[in-house]
N, C-alpha and C. Protein backbone atom coordinates (compact mmCIF):
# COMPACT_ATOMS: atom_id res chain seq x y z
N MET A 1 57.29 -24.24 22.94
CA MET A 1 55.93 -23.39 23.35
C MET A 1 54.99 -23.71 22.65
N PHE A 2 53.80 -23.99 23.62
CA PHE A 2 52.50 -24.42 22.95
C PHE A 2 51.69 -22.92 22.74
N LYS A 3 51.16 -23.00 21.56
CA LYS A 3 50.28 -21.62 21.01
C LYS A 3 48.94 -22.01 21.58
N LYS A 4 48.31 -20.74 22.01
CA LYS A 4 47.24 -20.78 22.82
C LYS A 4 46.31 -20.60 21.38
N ALA A 5 45.33 -21.66 21.94
CA ALA A 5 43.91 -22.08 21.13
C ALA A 5 42.82 -22.10 21.82
N PHE A 6 41.44 -21.72 21.01
CA PHE A 6 40.25 -21.80 21.70
C PHE A 6 39.90 -23.47 22.07
N THR A 7 39.33 -23.42 23.18
CA THR A 7 38.95 -24.63 23.54
C THR A 7 37.61 -24.77 22.72
N LEU A 8 37.50 -26.00 22.76
CA LEU A 8 35.70 -26.30 22.46
C LEU A 8 34.74 -26.13 23.17
N ALA A 9 34.83 -25.44 24.27
CA ALA A 9 33.53 -24.88 25.24
C ALA A 9 33.57 -23.26 24.51
N GLU A 10 35.03 -22.75 24.47
CA GLU A 10 34.86 -21.58 24.20
C GLU A 10 34.15 -21.41 22.53
N ILE A 11 34.57 -22.15 21.74
CA ILE A 11 34.03 -22.08 20.52
C ILE A 11 32.42 -22.29 20.20
N LEU A 12 31.79 -23.21 21.28
CA LEU A 12 30.33 -23.34 21.23
C LEU A 12 29.53 -22.39 22.19
N ILE A 13 30.71 -21.46 22.86
CA ILE A 13 29.82 -20.21 23.34
C ILE A 13 29.68 -19.17 22.41
N VAL A 14 30.71 -18.87 21.74
CA VAL A 14 30.87 -17.79 20.55
C VAL A 14 29.55 -18.24 19.77
N MET A 15 29.38 -19.66 19.19
CA MET A 15 28.35 -20.12 18.20
C MET A 15 26.98 -19.72 18.63
N ALA A 16 27.08 -19.90 19.98
CA ALA A 16 25.40 -19.91 20.92
C ALA A 16 25.34 -18.16 20.70
N ILE A 17 26.28 -17.41 20.99
CA ILE A 17 26.15 -16.09 21.18
C ILE A 17 25.69 -15.76 19.35
N ILE A 18 26.21 -15.93 18.81
CA ILE A 18 26.37 -15.78 17.36
C ILE A 18 24.72 -16.04 16.99
N GLY A 19 24.54 -17.34 17.31
CA GLY A 19 22.82 -17.68 16.99
C GLY A 19 21.76 -16.85 17.65
N THR A 20 22.20 -16.37 18.99
CA THR A 20 21.13 -16.05 19.66
C THR A 20 21.21 -14.32 18.94
N VAL A 21 22.20 -13.87 18.57
CA VAL A 21 21.87 -12.65 17.86
C VAL A 21 21.53 -12.49 16.37
N ALA A 22 21.64 -13.85 15.59
CA ALA A 22 20.96 -13.72 14.47
C ALA A 22 19.26 -14.25 14.93
N VAL A 23 19.20 -14.84 15.72
CA VAL A 23 17.58 -15.14 15.94
C VAL A 23 17.17 -13.97 16.16
N ALA A 24 17.59 -12.71 16.86
CA ALA A 24 16.83 -11.80 17.24
C ALA A 24 16.90 -10.73 16.21
N THR A 25 17.97 -10.67 15.44
CA THR A 25 17.96 -9.77 14.31
C THR A 25 17.34 -10.21 12.84
N ILE A 26 17.25 -11.25 12.50
CA ILE A 26 16.96 -11.56 11.11
C ILE A 26 15.70 -11.66 11.00
N PRO A 27 14.60 -11.82 11.88
CA PRO A 27 13.17 -11.64 11.52
C PRO A 27 12.97 -10.13 11.43
N ASN A 28 13.76 -8.72 12.33
CA ASN A 28 13.66 -7.69 11.98
C ASN A 28 14.17 -7.37 10.58
N LEU A 29 15.23 -8.10 10.15
CA LEU A 29 15.73 -7.52 8.94
C LEU A 29 14.83 -8.20 7.66
N MET A 30 14.22 -9.18 7.88
CA MET A 30 13.11 -9.33 6.86
C MET A 30 12.05 -8.82 6.84
N ASP A 31 11.54 -8.34 7.74
CA ASP A 31 10.35 -7.65 7.86
C ASP A 31 10.43 -6.18 7.28
N SER A 32 11.79 -5.72 7.57
CA SER A 32 11.90 -4.17 7.01
C SER A 32 12.37 -4.37 5.59
N TYR A 33 13.02 -5.67 5.29
CA TYR A 33 12.96 -5.76 3.53
C TYR A 33 11.54 -5.92 3.17
N GLN A 34 10.93 -6.41 3.90
CA GLN A 34 9.45 -6.86 3.06
C GLN A 34 8.63 -5.56 3.03
N GLU A 35 8.86 -4.87 3.63
CA GLU A 35 8.37 -3.36 3.89
C GLU A 35 8.93 -2.67 2.65
N ASP A 36 9.97 -2.40 2.62
CA ASP A 36 10.63 -1.68 1.60
C ASP A 36 9.99 -2.25 0.36
N ARG A 37 10.07 -3.25 0.29
CA ARG A 37 9.31 -3.91 -1.24
C ARG A 37 7.90 -3.46 -1.31
N ASP A 38 7.22 -3.66 -0.07
CA ASP A 38 5.70 -3.15 -0.47
C ASP A 38 5.70 -1.75 -0.53
N ILE A 39 6.34 -1.07 0.06
CA ILE A 39 6.05 0.40 -0.29
C ILE A 39 6.81 0.62 -1.69
N ALA A 40 7.68 0.01 -2.08
CA ALA A 40 7.88 0.47 -3.46
C ALA A 40 7.01 -0.19 -4.57
N ARG A 41 6.32 -0.82 -4.11
CA ARG A 41 4.98 -1.52 -5.05
C ARG A 41 3.83 -0.70 -5.00
N LEU A 42 3.86 -0.19 -4.03
CA LEU A 42 2.68 0.61 -3.87
C LEU A 42 2.83 2.26 -4.48
N ARG A 43 4.17 2.82 -4.19
CA ARG A 43 4.20 3.93 -4.79
C ARG A 43 4.34 3.53 -6.36
N LYS A 44 4.83 2.41 -6.79
CA LYS A 44 4.84 2.18 -8.32
C LYS A 44 3.26 2.02 -8.92
N VAL A 45 2.36 1.28 -8.27
CA VAL A 45 0.76 1.49 -8.31
C VAL A 45 0.37 2.58 -8.39
N TYR A 46 0.67 3.63 -7.73
CA TYR A 46 0.11 4.80 -7.25
C TYR A 46 0.66 5.89 -8.68
N HIS A 47 1.88 5.67 -8.92
CA HIS A 47 2.22 6.01 -10.21
C HIS A 47 1.58 5.85 -11.36
N ASP A 48 1.52 4.54 -11.38
CA ASP A 48 0.89 4.11 -12.93
C ASP A 48 -0.66 4.20 -12.63
N ILE A 49 -1.57 4.58 -11.71
CA ILE A 49 -2.65 4.97 -11.90
C ILE A 49 -3.16 6.47 -12.29
N GLU A 50 -1.84 7.27 -12.03
CA GLU A 50 -1.89 8.67 -12.14
C GLU A 50 -1.41 8.97 -13.53
N VAL A 51 -0.59 8.08 -14.41
CA VAL A 51 -0.12 7.99 -15.92
C VAL A 51 -1.40 7.28 -16.25
N ALA A 52 -2.16 6.28 -16.20
CA ALA A 52 -3.69 5.66 -16.14
C ALA A 52 -4.56 6.66 -16.67
N TYR A 53 -4.88 7.49 -15.82
CA TYR A 53 -5.77 8.49 -15.67
C TYR A 53 -5.51 9.62 -16.44
N ALA A 54 -4.17 9.98 -16.40
CA ALA A 54 -3.63 11.43 -17.41
C ALA A 54 -4.07 10.64 -19.07
N LYS A 55 -3.58 9.40 -19.30
CA LYS A 55 -4.22 8.88 -20.50
C LYS A 55 -5.33 8.58 -20.72
N SER A 56 -6.07 8.40 -19.74
CA SER A 56 -7.68 8.31 -19.84
C SER A 56 -8.49 9.57 -20.26
N LEU A 57 -7.77 10.78 -19.53
CA LEU A 57 -8.15 11.95 -19.98
C LEU A 57 -7.92 12.79 -20.99
N ALA A 58 -6.99 11.99 -21.51
CA ALA A 58 -6.63 12.57 -22.93
C ALA A 58 -7.23 12.02 -24.09
N GLU A 59 -7.82 10.97 -23.63
CA GLU A 59 -8.49 9.89 -25.06
C GLU A 59 -9.99 10.46 -24.52
N TYR A 60 -10.72 10.44 -23.37
CA TYR A 60 -12.11 10.62 -22.83
C TYR A 60 -12.36 11.80 -22.48
N GLY A 61 -11.53 12.63 -21.97
CA GLY A 61 -11.78 13.86 -21.44
C GLY A 61 -11.86 13.76 -20.16
N PRO A 62 -12.39 14.88 -19.18
CA PRO A 62 -12.67 14.96 -17.63
C PRO A 62 -13.64 13.29 -16.90
N TYR A 63 -13.32 13.10 -16.18
CA TYR A 63 -13.89 11.80 -15.80
C TYR A 63 -15.25 12.21 -15.73
N GLU A 64 -16.11 13.57 -15.30
CA GLU A 64 -17.46 13.19 -14.83
C GLU A 64 -18.17 13.67 -16.34
N ASN A 65 -17.19 13.78 -17.26
CA ASN A 65 -17.77 13.79 -18.78
C ASN A 65 -18.31 12.19 -19.43
N TRP A 66 -17.45 11.44 -18.79
CA TRP A 66 -17.50 9.79 -19.18
C TRP A 66 -19.23 9.39 -19.23
N ASP A 67 -19.64 9.50 -20.15
CA ASP A 67 -21.19 8.98 -19.83
C ASP A 67 -21.46 7.93 -20.43
N VAL A 68 -20.92 7.06 -19.39
CA VAL A 68 -21.12 5.63 -19.73
C VAL A 68 -21.58 5.12 -18.05
N ASP A 69 -21.79 3.60 -18.09
CA ASP A 69 -22.12 3.38 -16.64
C ASP A 69 -20.73 2.92 -15.71
N LYS A 70 -21.00 2.61 -14.52
CA LYS A 70 -19.82 2.77 -13.77
C LYS A 70 -18.73 1.45 -13.71
N GLU A 71 -19.29 0.01 -14.51
CA GLU A 71 -18.46 -0.59 -14.54
C GLU A 71 -17.51 -0.03 -16.04
N THR A 72 -17.87 0.40 -16.90
CA THR A 72 -17.40 0.82 -18.12
C THR A 72 -16.52 1.79 -17.85
N LYS A 73 -16.73 2.84 -16.86
CA LYS A 73 -15.58 3.71 -16.71
C LYS A 73 -14.50 3.24 -15.78
N THR A 74 -14.65 1.97 -15.04
CA THR A 74 -13.32 1.53 -14.62
C THR A 74 -12.69 0.83 -15.74
N LYS A 75 -13.05 0.10 -16.74
CA LYS A 75 -12.33 -0.47 -17.47
C LYS A 75 -11.73 0.79 -18.29
N MET A 76 -12.32 1.84 -18.52
CA MET A 76 -11.80 2.71 -19.55
C MET A 76 -10.30 3.14 -18.85
N LEU A 77 -10.22 2.99 -17.22
CA LEU A 77 -8.99 3.69 -16.90
C LEU A 77 -8.12 2.51 -16.74
N MET A 78 -8.82 1.25 -16.34
CA MET A 78 -7.77 0.29 -16.24
C MET A 78 -7.37 -0.33 -17.55
N LYS A 79 -7.60 -0.09 -18.44
CA LYS A 79 -7.04 -0.70 -19.76
C LYS A 79 -5.73 -0.11 -19.86
N TYR A 80 -5.35 1.21 -19.31
CA TYR A 80 -3.97 1.43 -19.46
C TYR A 80 -3.00 0.74 -18.28
N LEU A 81 -3.61 0.04 -17.22
CA LEU A 81 -2.95 -0.61 -16.32
C LEU A 81 -2.81 -1.94 -16.52
N LYS A 82 -3.49 -2.48 -18.01
CA LYS A 82 -3.20 -3.64 -18.44
C LYS A 82 -3.49 -4.62 -17.23
N ALA A 83 -4.75 -4.36 -16.64
CA ALA A 83 -5.45 -5.10 -15.57
C ALA A 83 -6.22 -6.27 -16.25
N ARG A 84 -6.25 -7.43 -15.61
CA ARG A 84 -7.65 -8.37 -15.85
C ARG A 84 -8.47 -8.05 -15.10
N TYR A 85 -9.58 -8.04 -15.77
CA TYR A 85 -10.75 -7.87 -15.53
C TYR A 85 -11.59 -9.07 -14.54
N CYS A 86 -11.88 -9.17 -13.54
CA CYS A 86 -12.44 -10.01 -12.45
C CYS A 86 -14.02 -10.02 -12.35
N GLY A 87 -14.86 -9.03 -12.93
CA GLY A 87 -16.03 -8.86 -12.44
C GLY A 87 -16.39 -8.14 -10.98
N ASN A 88 -17.52 -8.11 -10.75
CA ASN A 88 -17.83 -7.54 -9.45
C ASN A 88 -18.18 -8.53 -7.98
N ASP A 89 -17.94 -9.47 -8.20
CA ASP A 89 -18.54 -10.77 -7.02
C ASP A 89 -17.72 -10.43 -5.79
N LYS A 90 -18.35 -10.96 -4.66
CA LYS A 90 -17.43 -10.64 -3.47
C LYS A 90 -16.33 -11.67 -3.29
N VAL A 91 -16.94 -13.08 -3.86
CA VAL A 91 -15.58 -14.05 -3.82
C VAL A 91 -14.99 -14.09 -5.46
N ASN A 92 -13.78 -13.36 -5.46
CA ASN A 92 -13.29 -13.84 -6.78
C ASN A 92 -12.04 -14.03 -6.71
N ASN A 93 -11.13 -14.15 -7.70
CA ASN A 93 -9.64 -14.77 -8.01
C ASN A 93 -8.71 -13.08 -8.21
N CYS A 94 -9.42 -12.20 -7.87
CA CYS A 94 -8.54 -10.75 -7.96
C CYS A 94 -8.13 -10.10 -6.32
N TYR A 95 -9.34 -9.94 -5.65
CA TYR A 95 -9.09 -9.20 -4.63
C TYR A 95 -9.57 -10.02 -3.58
N PRO A 96 -8.72 -9.83 -2.28
CA PRO A 96 -9.45 -10.39 -0.84
C PRO A 96 -11.05 -10.37 -0.70
N SER A 97 -11.73 -11.36 -0.42
CA SER A 97 -13.33 -11.16 -0.34
C SER A 97 -13.83 -10.83 1.11
N THR A 98 -12.67 -10.55 1.87
CA THR A 98 -13.02 -10.02 3.71
C THR A 98 -12.82 -8.57 4.13
N VAL A 99 -12.44 -7.87 2.84
CA VAL A 99 -11.77 -6.43 3.30
C VAL A 99 -12.90 -5.28 2.59
N SER A 100 -12.35 -3.79 2.91
CA SER A 100 -13.20 -3.04 2.32
C SER A 100 -12.74 -3.13 0.69
N GLY A 101 -14.13 -2.95 0.10
CA GLY A 101 -13.62 -3.06 -1.49
C GLY A 101 -14.19 -4.19 -2.01
N ASN A 102 -15.10 -5.09 -1.15
CA ASN A 102 -15.07 -6.45 -1.56
C ASN A 102 -16.90 -6.47 -2.22
N ALA A 103 -17.49 -5.50 -1.86
CA ALA A 103 -18.50 -5.28 -2.36
C ALA A 103 -19.04 -5.62 -3.82
N THR A 104 -20.50 -6.00 -4.01
CA THR A 104 -20.69 -6.14 -5.36
C THR A 104 -20.64 -4.85 -6.41
N THR A 105 -20.53 -3.50 -5.51
CA THR A 105 -20.64 -2.09 -6.29
C THR A 105 -19.24 -2.25 -6.78
N TYR A 106 -18.43 -2.86 -6.18
CA TYR A 106 -17.03 -2.76 -6.52
C TYR A 106 -16.36 -3.60 -7.49
N TYR A 107 -15.58 -2.85 -8.73
CA TYR A 107 -14.99 -3.78 -9.70
C TYR A 107 -13.68 -4.39 -9.48
N LYS A 108 -13.12 -5.38 -9.64
CA LYS A 108 -12.26 -6.09 -9.48
C LYS A 108 -11.10 -6.38 -10.52
N TYR A 109 -9.70 -5.92 -10.08
CA TYR A 109 -8.69 -6.62 -11.07
C TYR A 109 -7.87 -6.80 -11.00
N GLU A 110 -6.57 -7.20 -11.72
CA GLU A 110 -5.42 -7.78 -11.32
C GLU A 110 -4.24 -7.45 -11.99
N LEU A 111 -3.36 -7.05 -11.48
CA LEU A 111 -2.25 -6.37 -12.27
C LEU A 111 -1.49 -7.18 -12.57
N GLU A 112 -0.51 -7.13 -13.38
CA GLU A 112 0.61 -8.03 -14.18
C GLU A 112 1.34 -8.87 -13.00
N ASP A 113 1.53 -7.99 -11.82
CA ASP A 113 2.61 -8.34 -10.81
C ASP A 113 1.78 -9.28 -9.59
N GLY A 114 0.26 -9.38 -9.89
CA GLY A 114 -0.58 -10.17 -8.92
C GLY A 114 -1.29 -8.87 -7.65
N THR A 115 -1.20 -7.83 -7.69
CA THR A 115 -1.47 -6.64 -7.19
C THR A 115 -2.91 -6.61 -7.34
N GLY A 116 -3.84 -6.80 -6.26
CA GLY A 116 -5.59 -7.12 -6.51
C GLY A 116 -5.87 -5.30 -6.45
N ILE A 117 -6.55 -5.11 -7.31
CA ILE A 117 -7.40 -3.78 -7.68
C ILE A 117 -8.87 -3.96 -7.16
N SER A 118 -9.58 -2.98 -6.18
CA SER A 118 -10.95 -2.88 -6.19
C SER A 118 -11.54 -1.22 -6.43
N MET A 119 -11.87 -1.18 -7.53
CA MET A 119 -12.61 0.10 -7.71
C MET A 119 -13.98 0.30 -8.05
N TYR A 120 -14.19 1.95 -7.29
CA TYR A 120 -15.54 2.32 -7.22
C TYR A 120 -15.82 3.53 -7.49
N GLY A 121 -16.72 3.89 -8.59
CA GLY A 121 -16.78 4.97 -8.93
C GLY A 121 -17.99 5.86 -8.30
N SER A 122 -17.98 6.22 -7.22
CA SER A 122 -18.83 6.85 -6.17
C SER A 122 -19.64 7.54 -6.74
N ALA A 123 -19.21 8.53 -7.62
CA ALA A 123 -20.50 9.48 -8.18
C ALA A 123 -19.69 9.87 -9.58
N SER A 124 -20.43 11.02 -10.21
CA SER A 124 -19.64 11.12 -11.62
C SER A 124 -18.35 12.14 -11.64
N SER A 125 -18.42 12.53 -10.11
CA SER A 125 -17.11 13.19 -10.26
C SER A 125 -15.80 12.67 -9.34
N SER A 126 -15.94 11.37 -8.82
CA SER A 126 -15.00 11.05 -8.08
C SER A 126 -15.03 9.56 -8.19
N PHE A 127 -13.92 8.93 -7.95
CA PHE A 127 -13.77 7.15 -7.67
C PHE A 127 -12.78 7.12 -6.57
N TYR A 128 -12.78 5.66 -5.86
CA TYR A 128 -11.83 5.42 -5.03
C TYR A 128 -11.25 4.26 -5.30
N ILE A 129 -10.13 3.79 -5.35
CA ILE A 129 -9.29 2.35 -5.79
C ILE A 129 -8.71 1.55 -4.39
N TYR A 130 -8.83 0.52 -3.95
CA TYR A 130 -8.44 -0.06 -2.90
C TYR A 130 -7.31 -1.26 -3.68
N VAL A 131 -6.32 -1.12 -3.03
CA VAL A 131 -4.92 -1.64 -3.65
C VAL A 131 -4.14 -2.77 -2.63
N ALA A 132 -4.61 -3.90 -3.06
CA ALA A 132 -4.46 -5.22 -1.98
C ALA A 132 -3.08 -5.67 -2.54
N LEU A 133 -1.86 -5.56 -1.83
CA LEU A 133 -0.34 -5.61 -2.31
C LEU A 133 -0.24 -7.49 -2.60
N GLY A 134 -0.63 -7.82 -1.85
CA GLY A 134 -0.54 -9.56 -1.45
C GLY A 134 -1.55 -10.02 -2.83
N GLY A 135 -2.40 -9.39 -3.13
CA GLY A 135 -3.24 -9.78 -4.43
C GLY A 135 -4.41 -10.69 -3.32
N VAL A 136 -5.09 -11.72 -4.06
CA VAL A 136 -6.33 -12.32 -3.69
C VAL A 136 -6.08 -12.97 -2.40
N LYS A 137 -4.93 -13.81 -2.31
CA LYS A 137 -4.58 -14.76 -1.04
C LYS A 137 -3.59 -13.77 -0.04
N GLY A 138 -3.14 -12.68 0.03
CA GLY A 138 -2.30 -11.91 0.51
C GLY A 138 -2.96 -11.30 1.77
N LYS A 139 -2.38 -10.96 2.80
CA LYS A 139 -2.76 -10.76 3.96
C LYS A 139 -3.81 -9.08 4.07
N THR A 140 -4.52 -9.10 4.59
CA THR A 140 -5.49 -8.15 4.78
C THR A 140 -5.80 -6.82 5.79
N ILE A 141 -4.34 -6.60 6.30
CA ILE A 141 -4.29 -5.44 7.32
C ILE A 141 -4.45 -3.87 6.81
N ALA A 142 -5.55 -3.26 6.95
CA ALA A 142 -5.39 -1.92 6.13
C ALA A 142 -4.14 -0.86 6.68
N GLY A 143 -3.57 -0.24 6.00
CA GLY A 143 -2.40 0.54 6.41
C GLY A 143 -1.24 -0.12 6.16
N ARG A 144 -1.17 -1.63 6.18
CA ARG A 144 -0.08 -2.22 5.87
C ARG A 144 0.08 -3.27 4.41
N ASP A 145 -1.15 -4.13 4.27
CA ASP A 145 -1.24 -4.47 3.11
C ASP A 145 -2.49 -4.27 2.00
N ILE A 146 -3.04 -3.11 2.40
CA ILE A 146 -4.10 -2.42 1.75
C ILE A 146 -4.24 -1.19 1.99
N PHE A 147 -4.01 -0.38 0.90
CA PHE A 147 -4.30 0.98 0.47
C PHE A 147 -5.42 1.32 -0.13
N ARG A 148 -5.69 2.47 0.20
CA ARG A 148 -6.59 3.57 -0.72
C ARG A 148 -5.98 4.63 -1.42
N ILE A 149 -6.35 4.60 -2.69
CA ILE A 149 -6.45 5.77 -3.77
C ILE A 149 -7.29 6.64 -4.08
N ASN A 150 -7.64 7.92 -3.85
CA ASN A 150 -8.76 8.36 -4.22
C ASN A 150 -8.81 9.28 -5.55
N TYR A 151 -9.52 9.98 -6.12
CA TYR A 151 -9.76 10.67 -7.47
C TYR A 151 -11.02 11.67 -6.82
N SER A 152 -10.73 13.08 -7.37
CA SER A 152 -11.97 13.83 -7.18
C SER A 152 -11.74 15.00 -8.10
N THR A 153 -12.75 15.61 -8.73
CA THR A 153 -12.14 17.33 -9.75
C THR A 153 -11.51 18.02 -8.98
N THR A 154 -11.47 17.77 -7.85
CA THR A 154 -10.94 19.20 -6.98
C THR A 154 -9.42 18.75 -6.85
N ASN A 155 -9.12 17.63 -6.28
CA ASN A 155 -7.71 17.12 -6.13
C ASN A 155 -6.79 16.28 -7.02
N GLY A 156 -7.75 16.06 -8.37
CA GLY A 156 -7.24 14.91 -9.05
C GLY A 156 -6.62 13.60 -8.50
N ILE A 157 -5.87 12.76 -8.83
CA ILE A 157 -5.75 11.49 -7.80
C ILE A 157 -4.77 11.83 -6.59
N TYR A 158 -5.14 11.14 -5.58
CA TYR A 158 -4.15 11.39 -4.59
C TYR A 158 -4.53 10.18 -3.25
N PRO A 159 -3.53 10.04 -2.58
CA PRO A 159 -3.45 8.94 -1.79
C PRO A 159 -4.61 9.15 -0.29
N TYR A 160 -5.48 8.16 -0.14
CA TYR A 160 -6.19 8.55 0.73
C TYR A 160 -5.47 9.07 2.05
N GLY A 161 -6.26 10.01 2.88
CA GLY A 161 -5.73 10.31 4.13
C GLY A 161 -4.87 11.82 4.08
N ARG A 162 -4.76 12.14 2.90
CA ARG A 162 -4.16 13.60 2.94
C ARG A 162 -5.33 14.60 3.49
N GLY A 163 -4.61 15.13 4.33
CA GLY A 163 -5.65 16.11 5.23
C GLY A 163 -6.62 15.66 6.29
N LEU A 164 -6.26 14.05 6.40
CA LEU A 164 -6.67 13.44 7.61
C LEU A 164 -5.72 13.03 8.43
N ASP A 165 -4.40 13.26 8.11
CA ASP A 165 -3.44 12.46 8.69
C ASP A 165 -2.53 13.54 9.65
N ARG A 166 -2.67 14.80 9.68
CA ARG A 166 -1.93 16.05 10.47
C ARG A 166 -2.48 16.77 11.47
N GLU A 167 -1.97 16.67 12.46
CA GLU A 167 -2.52 17.69 13.33
C GLU A 167 -2.35 18.96 13.37
N SER A 168 -2.59 20.22 13.95
CA SER A 168 -2.58 21.24 13.71
C SER A 168 -1.12 21.62 13.77
N ASN A 169 -0.09 20.90 14.79
CA ASN A 169 1.11 21.25 14.64
C ASN A 169 1.92 20.25 13.99
N SER A 170 1.50 19.60 13.21
CA SER A 170 2.13 19.10 11.72
C SER A 170 2.62 17.66 12.45
N ALA A 171 2.02 16.94 13.51
CA ALA A 171 2.30 15.82 14.05
C ALA A 171 1.33 14.71 13.20
N PHE A 172 1.85 13.50 13.21
CA PHE A 172 1.00 12.56 12.64
C PHE A 172 -0.01 12.32 13.63
N LYS A 173 -0.99 12.43 12.89
CA LYS A 173 -2.16 12.04 13.83
C LYS A 173 -2.49 10.50 13.99
N THR A 174 -2.47 10.12 15.17
CA THR A 174 -2.02 9.03 15.59
C THR A 174 -3.22 7.96 15.24
N SER A 175 -4.50 8.42 15.19
CA SER A 175 -5.65 7.65 14.48
C SER A 175 -5.77 7.28 13.17
N ALA A 176 -4.75 7.81 12.39
CA ALA A 176 -4.63 7.94 11.08
C ALA A 176 -3.77 6.70 10.50
N THR A 177 -4.14 5.31 11.09
CA THR A 177 -3.23 4.15 10.93
C THR A 177 -3.94 3.03 10.18
N SER A 178 -5.02 3.63 9.44
CA SER A 178 -5.51 2.19 8.62
C SER A 178 -5.76 2.94 7.07
N TYR A 179 -6.52 2.80 6.48
CA TYR A 179 -6.88 3.60 5.37
C TYR A 179 -5.96 4.73 5.14
N ASN A 180 -6.16 5.64 6.10
CA ASN A 180 -5.74 6.95 6.28
C ASN A 180 -4.37 6.86 5.96
N ALA A 181 -3.57 5.93 6.49
CA ALA A 181 -2.33 5.91 6.18
C ALA A 181 -1.60 5.81 5.16
N THR A 182 -2.45 5.93 4.00
CA THR A 182 -1.82 5.68 2.56
C THR A 182 -0.85 6.54 2.26
N ASN A 183 -1.79 8.04 2.57
CA ASN A 183 -0.93 9.28 2.18
C ASN A 183 0.65 9.24 2.71
N TRP A 184 0.71 9.14 4.02
CA TRP A 184 2.00 8.89 4.69
C TRP A 184 3.20 7.82 4.08
N ALA A 185 2.34 6.41 3.82
CA ALA A 185 3.30 5.80 3.15
C ALA A 185 3.78 5.91 1.94
N ILE A 186 3.22 7.07 1.13
CA ILE A 186 3.56 7.26 -0.32
C ILE A 186 4.24 8.02 -0.09
N THR A 187 3.93 9.52 0.29
CA THR A 187 4.74 10.58 0.85
C THR A 187 6.11 10.20 1.30
N ASN A 188 6.13 9.56 2.25
CA ASN A 188 7.66 9.37 3.11
C ASN A 188 8.19 7.81 3.18
N GLY A 189 7.64 7.25 2.37
CA GLY A 189 8.29 5.89 1.92
C GLY A 189 8.53 4.57 3.12
N ASN A 190 7.48 5.10 3.95
CA ASN A 190 7.77 3.92 5.25
C ASN A 190 6.12 3.99 5.64
N MET A 191 6.38 2.77 6.66
CA MET A 191 5.17 2.46 7.56
C MET A 191 5.54 2.73 8.78
N ASP A 192 6.32 3.54 9.12
CA ASP A 192 6.69 3.97 10.63
C ASP A 192 5.55 4.12 11.59
N TYR A 193 4.34 4.52 11.26
CA TYR A 193 3.23 4.62 11.68
C TYR A 193 2.73 3.08 12.78
N LEU A 194 3.24 2.19 12.21
CA LEU A 194 3.31 1.03 12.74
C LEU A 194 4.12 0.77 13.85
N LYS A 195 5.04 1.53 14.08
CA LYS A 195 6.21 1.43 15.09
C LYS A 195 6.24 2.75 16.23
N CYS A 196 6.19 3.52 15.56
CA CYS A 196 6.21 5.01 16.49
C CYS A 196 5.40 5.88 15.89
N LYS A 197 3.93 5.81 15.75
CA LYS A 197 3.25 6.60 15.30
C LYS A 197 3.16 8.26 16.08
N ASP A 198 3.28 7.88 17.56
CA ASP A 198 3.18 8.87 18.08
C ASP A 198 4.40 10.12 18.21
N LYS A 199 5.32 9.50 17.67
CA LYS A 199 6.82 10.35 17.78
C LYS A 199 7.02 10.83 16.15
N LEU A 200 6.15 10.78 14.74
CA LEU A 200 6.09 11.01 13.76
C LEU A 200 5.92 12.48 13.78
N ASN A 201 6.64 13.28 12.78
CA ASN A 201 5.72 14.60 12.46
C ASN A 201 6.39 14.57 10.91
N TRP A 202 5.23 15.57 10.52
CA TRP A 202 5.33 15.70 8.99
C TRP A 202 6.50 16.76 8.82
N THR A 203 6.77 17.65 9.75
CA THR A 203 7.74 18.77 9.40
C THR A 203 9.25 18.23 9.52
N ASN A 204 9.40 17.45 10.68
CA ASN A 204 10.80 17.21 11.11
C ASN A 204 11.14 15.66 11.54
N GLN A 205 10.34 14.86 11.48
CA GLN A 205 10.50 13.45 11.96
C GLN A 205 9.73 12.25 11.24
N THR A 206 9.82 12.23 9.69
CA THR A 206 9.39 11.43 8.87
C THR A 206 9.86 9.77 9.09
N SER A 207 10.45 9.78 10.16
CA SER A 207 10.74 8.31 10.53
C SER A 207 10.83 7.78 11.67
N CYS A 208 11.18 6.92 12.54
CA CYS A 208 11.26 6.61 13.87
C CYS A 208 12.60 6.59 14.15
N PRO A 209 12.56 7.58 15.39
CA PRO A 209 13.92 8.25 15.87
C PRO A 209 14.67 6.99 16.43
């Protein structure tokens, strides 16, 4: 008796199906992997800024009492992040030159992992920091590649968007998908506002269904 075997045509059909499925799923898997990496990096930067500020606070006292110019203030904080200083030119080798935070009033730094930082002390009692995850040559979409972290005497260090990204019923505010999305990304550990923002809720739906 002859044993049954797959014909060449059947094998080619199966291989074609596998190839089609791979083409459809691999890009999504790669995007998901990259997003997870970026979220981890963003959370680490946020944590490191919190630690750096705590150390600065211990050494120099409250930020509003740092009686120095704005540039020196940024250096006093950034030294604890081991960040390379790049000055405050619009075009530099630390931070993208075409997005928010590129003005000459912002001071640019680069972290050891290549993350770009642009910091501005807006007043004696506050400052804000733009974080470019891909560095100077990375992509520049706000809420995907670049995020914002704030400081105020009232709230301390906090992700931008806090208080601006929530409806009265706790739904995610669908307009909060630019720098305002920083709070969601850090708090919930995802960028699902880029995929299903109208379905998200701070109380019971912190990821896409």
